[in-house]
Structure formats: structure tokens, C-alpha cells
N, C-alpha and C. Protein backbone atom coordinates (compact mmCIF):
# COMPACT_ATOMS: atom_id res chain seq x y z
N MET A 1 74.26 53.93 139.36
CA MET A 1 74.82 52.87 138.68
C MET A 1 75.98 52.31 139.55
N ALA A 2 76.07 51.00 139.60
CA ALA A 2 77.13 50.25 140.29
C ALA A 2 77.95 49.42 139.43
N LEU A 3 79.27 49.37 139.81
CA LEU A 3 80.26 48.48 139.03
C LEU A 3 80.79 47.45 139.99
N TYR A 4 80.85 46.15 139.58
CA TYR A 4 81.29 45.07 140.41
C TYR A 4 82.35 44.29 139.57
N SER A 5 83.12 43.52 140.30
CA SER A 5 84.05 42.71 139.65
C SER A 5 84.34 41.48 140.47
N VAL A 6 84.46 40.23 139.83
CA VAL A 6 84.85 39.09 140.62
C VAL A 6 85.68 38.22 139.68
N GLU A 7 86.60 37.30 140.28
CA GLU A 7 87.36 36.49 139.51
C GLU A 7 86.73 35.03 139.78
N THR A 8 86.85 34.17 138.82
CA THR A 8 86.27 32.82 138.98
C THR A 8 87.13 31.79 138.04
N GLY A 9 86.96 30.62 138.41
CA GLY A 9 87.52 29.51 137.69
C GLY A 9 86.60 29.00 136.46
N THR A 10 85.44 29.59 136.42
CA THR A 10 84.42 29.29 135.31
C THR A 10 84.95 29.93 134.02
N SER A 11 84.74 29.19 132.97
CA SER A 11 85.15 29.84 131.65
C SER A 11 84.31 31.00 131.24
N PRO A 12 84.90 31.92 130.48
CA PRO A 12 84.02 33.04 130.03
C PRO A 12 82.78 32.65 129.32
N GLU A 13 82.76 31.58 128.57
CA GLU A 13 81.56 31.08 127.89
C GLU A 13 80.58 30.57 128.83
N ASP A 14 80.94 29.87 129.94
CA ASP A 14 79.93 29.48 130.87
C ASP A 14 79.43 30.65 131.73
N VAL A 15 80.16 31.70 132.03
CA VAL A 15 79.81 32.81 132.71
C VAL A 15 78.66 33.48 131.86
N ILE A 16 78.86 33.68 130.57
CA ILE A 16 77.90 34.27 129.75
C ILE A 16 76.67 33.47 129.70
N ALA A 17 76.74 32.17 129.61
CA ALA A 17 75.64 31.30 129.56
C ALA A 17 74.81 31.31 130.88
N ARG A 18 75.57 31.35 131.98
CA ARG A 18 74.86 31.39 133.29
C ARG A 18 74.22 32.71 133.40
N ALA A 19 74.79 33.85 133.01
CA ALA A 19 74.13 35.17 133.00
C ALA A 19 72.80 35.17 132.22
N LYS A 20 72.76 34.52 131.08
CA LYS A 20 71.70 34.51 130.18
C LYS A 20 70.50 33.66 130.93
N GLY A 21 70.92 32.66 131.62
CA GLY A 21 69.94 31.84 132.32
C GLY A 21 69.41 32.58 133.60
N TYR A 22 70.33 33.29 134.25
CA TYR A 22 69.97 34.01 135.60
C TYR A 22 69.13 35.23 135.36
N PHE A 23 69.63 36.07 134.36
CA PHE A 23 69.00 37.34 134.14
C PHE A 23 67.93 37.40 133.03
N GLY A 24 68.03 36.54 132.09
CA GLY A 24 67.20 36.45 130.91
C GLY A 24 65.76 35.92 131.19
N GLU A 25 65.16 35.76 130.07
CA GLU A 25 63.67 35.49 130.09
C GLU A 25 63.36 34.31 131.01
N SER A 26 64.20 33.21 131.08
CA SER A 26 63.90 32.10 131.87
C SER A 26 64.25 32.27 133.30
N GLY A 27 64.94 33.39 133.61
CA GLY A 27 65.44 33.74 135.02
C GLY A 27 64.57 34.84 135.62
N LEU A 28 65.22 35.94 135.73
CA LEU A 28 64.62 37.20 136.20
C LEU A 28 63.68 37.92 135.27
N GLY A 29 63.74 37.45 133.95
CA GLY A 29 62.84 38.04 132.93
C GLY A 29 63.30 39.30 132.30
N LEU A 30 64.56 39.66 132.42
CA LEU A 30 64.97 40.87 131.78
C LEU A 30 65.24 40.50 130.18
N SER A 31 65.08 41.53 129.40
CA SER A 31 65.25 41.42 128.01
C SER A 31 66.73 41.47 127.65
N LEU A 32 67.18 40.60 126.83
CA LEU A 32 68.55 40.59 126.30
C LEU A 32 68.60 41.56 125.14
N VAL A 33 69.43 42.55 125.27
CA VAL A 33 69.45 43.58 124.22
C VAL A 33 70.84 43.53 123.40
N THR A 34 71.79 43.02 124.09
CA THR A 34 73.17 42.90 123.28
C THR A 34 73.80 41.57 123.74
N GLU A 35 74.36 40.86 122.83
CA GLU A 35 75.07 39.65 123.10
C GLU A 35 76.21 39.40 122.05
N ASP A 36 77.37 39.11 122.55
CA ASP A 36 78.57 38.63 121.83
C ASP A 36 79.29 37.63 122.66
N ALA A 37 80.42 37.15 122.20
CA ALA A 37 81.14 36.02 122.85
C ALA A 37 81.58 36.50 124.26
N CYS A 38 81.82 37.72 124.48
CA CYS A 38 82.40 38.16 125.80
C CYS A 38 81.45 38.85 126.68
N CYS A 39 80.29 39.21 126.24
CA CYS A 39 79.46 40.12 127.03
C CYS A 39 78.01 40.05 126.58
N VAL A 40 77.11 40.37 127.69
CA VAL A 40 75.66 40.31 127.41
C VAL A 40 75.14 41.57 128.26
N VAL A 41 74.09 42.15 127.65
CA VAL A 41 73.39 43.38 128.29
C VAL A 41 71.91 43.01 128.36
N PHE A 42 71.39 43.28 129.49
CA PHE A 42 70.01 43.06 129.75
C PHE A 42 69.39 44.34 130.21
N GLU A 43 68.01 44.61 129.86
CA GLU A 43 67.33 45.68 130.30
C GLU A 43 65.93 45.16 130.83
N GLY A 44 65.43 45.96 131.83
CA GLY A 44 64.04 45.68 132.34
C GLY A 44 63.91 46.25 133.76
N GLY A 45 62.68 46.40 134.15
CA GLY A 45 62.39 46.91 135.51
C GLY A 45 63.00 48.24 135.86
N GLY A 46 63.15 49.17 134.77
CA GLY A 46 63.72 50.47 135.02
C GLY A 46 65.19 50.50 135.16
N GLY A 47 65.87 49.37 134.73
CA GLY A 47 67.42 49.36 134.87
C GLY A 47 67.96 48.40 133.88
N HIS A 48 69.26 48.13 134.13
CA HIS A 48 69.98 47.21 133.27
C HIS A 48 71.05 46.50 134.03
N VAL A 49 71.52 45.43 133.33
CA VAL A 49 72.66 44.66 133.86
C VAL A 49 73.59 44.40 132.58
N SER A 50 74.86 44.63 132.74
CA SER A 50 75.86 44.31 131.81
C SER A 50 76.81 43.32 132.37
N VAL A 51 77.15 42.18 131.72
CA VAL A 51 78.11 41.25 132.23
C VAL A 51 79.16 41.00 131.09
N THR A 52 80.46 41.28 131.47
CA THR A 52 81.51 41.05 130.65
C THR A 52 82.49 40.07 131.29
N ALA A 53 82.84 39.08 130.52
CA ALA A 53 83.79 37.90 131.00
C ALA A 53 85.03 37.91 130.14
N SER A 54 86.12 38.02 130.70
CA SER A 54 87.43 37.88 129.95
C SER A 54 88.42 36.90 130.53
N ASP A 55 89.04 36.21 129.62
CA ASP A 55 90.01 35.09 130.02
C ASP A 55 91.24 35.74 130.47
N GLN A 56 91.65 35.47 131.72
CA GLN A 56 92.95 35.92 132.21
C GLN A 56 93.78 34.71 132.58
N GLU A 57 94.98 34.83 132.98
CA GLU A 57 95.77 33.63 133.26
C GLU A 57 95.13 32.79 134.34
N ASN A 58 94.63 31.57 133.84
CA ASN A 58 94.05 30.63 134.78
C ASN A 58 92.93 31.02 135.51
N ARG A 59 92.21 32.05 135.06
CA ARG A 59 91.02 32.51 135.70
C ARG A 59 90.22 33.35 134.74
N THR A 60 89.01 33.72 135.08
CA THR A 60 88.08 34.53 134.34
C THR A 60 87.77 35.80 135.15
N GLU A 61 87.94 36.92 134.58
CA GLU A 61 87.60 38.18 135.21
C GLU A 61 86.09 38.52 134.72
N VAL A 62 85.20 38.72 135.70
CA VAL A 62 83.87 39.04 135.33
C VAL A 62 83.65 40.44 135.87
N GLU A 63 83.29 41.36 135.01
CA GLU A 63 82.84 42.70 135.34
C GLU A 63 81.35 42.91 135.06
N LEU A 64 80.71 43.43 136.14
CA LEU A 64 79.31 43.72 135.98
C LEU A 64 78.89 45.18 136.27
N GLU A 65 77.97 45.66 135.57
CA GLU A 65 77.54 47.02 135.61
C GLU A 65 75.96 46.96 135.83
N THR A 66 75.44 47.60 136.70
CA THR A 66 74.09 47.48 136.95
C THR A 66 73.40 48.87 137.46
N ARG A 67 72.18 49.01 137.22
CA ARG A 67 71.27 50.01 137.73
C ARG A 67 70.00 49.34 138.10
N GLU A 68 69.62 49.41 139.34
CA GLU A 68 68.31 48.93 139.88
C GLU A 68 68.45 47.36 140.18
N TRP A 69 69.56 46.65 139.92
CA TRP A 69 69.55 45.19 140.07
C TRP A 69 70.75 44.84 140.88
N ASP A 70 71.15 45.64 141.87
CA ASP A 70 72.41 45.39 142.64
C ASP A 70 72.28 44.05 143.45
N TYR A 71 71.15 43.78 144.12
CA TYR A 71 71.00 42.68 144.93
C TYR A 71 71.21 41.42 144.09
N GLN A 72 70.55 41.41 142.84
CA GLN A 72 70.57 40.28 142.07
C GLN A 72 71.88 40.01 141.45
N VAL A 73 72.65 41.02 141.13
CA VAL A 73 74.05 40.97 140.61
C VAL A 73 74.89 40.42 141.62
N LYS A 74 74.78 40.84 142.98
CA LYS A 74 75.57 40.28 143.99
C LYS A 74 75.21 38.80 144.16
N GLN A 75 74.06 38.42 144.11
CA GLN A 75 73.71 37.00 144.04
C GLN A 75 74.27 36.21 142.94
N PHE A 76 74.20 36.72 141.80
CA PHE A 76 74.92 36.07 140.64
C PHE A 76 76.45 35.96 140.85
N MET A 77 77.09 36.96 141.35
CA MET A 77 78.50 36.91 141.61
C MET A 77 78.84 35.70 142.49
N GLY A 78 77.98 35.47 143.46
CA GLY A 78 78.24 34.40 144.38
C GLY A 78 78.05 32.97 143.68
N GLN A 79 77.45 32.92 142.53
CA GLN A 79 77.15 31.72 141.82
C GLN A 79 78.26 31.34 140.79
N VAL A 80 78.96 32.29 140.40
CA VAL A 80 79.94 32.01 139.38
C VAL A 80 81.31 31.82 140.00
């Protein structure tokens, strides 16, 4: 399992929406198993991806946890 973190100027809501598009059914095809205002969890391909976005002063902190999807998580981090 790997943990990653990135800061962005993108709003938490946008980060979650982008994660759903990138990792979800219309993107990499992972199954969305949990969703709320600040986080989403996907499963598939023998692994999982969890994305949490929290509003900090003038920025958004994005925390990502993954197993088996490290490359794709790093690519996503570069897009937000």
C-alpha cells in the first residue's frame, strides 16, 4: 500500500469530481464503493484507490492511498 499527498489550487469538489472521472467507470473502470463530499474510494483490478480532498488556507490538500494503482495515482496527482 502506498500513501501520497499533493497540494493544489483546485477546489475539493473539483478534485473529487476529477477523481470520479479518472478512476471511475468512464475512466479506468474502477468501481466506486464509497463517496461523500470530501472523499471517494474505488476498487478493482486487485487493488483500491482512496482520494480525500480537504480545504486548507488558499489551497486544497489531496491525500491518496492506493494498492496496485501507483502509476495511475501519480498521473492523477499531476493533473490536479
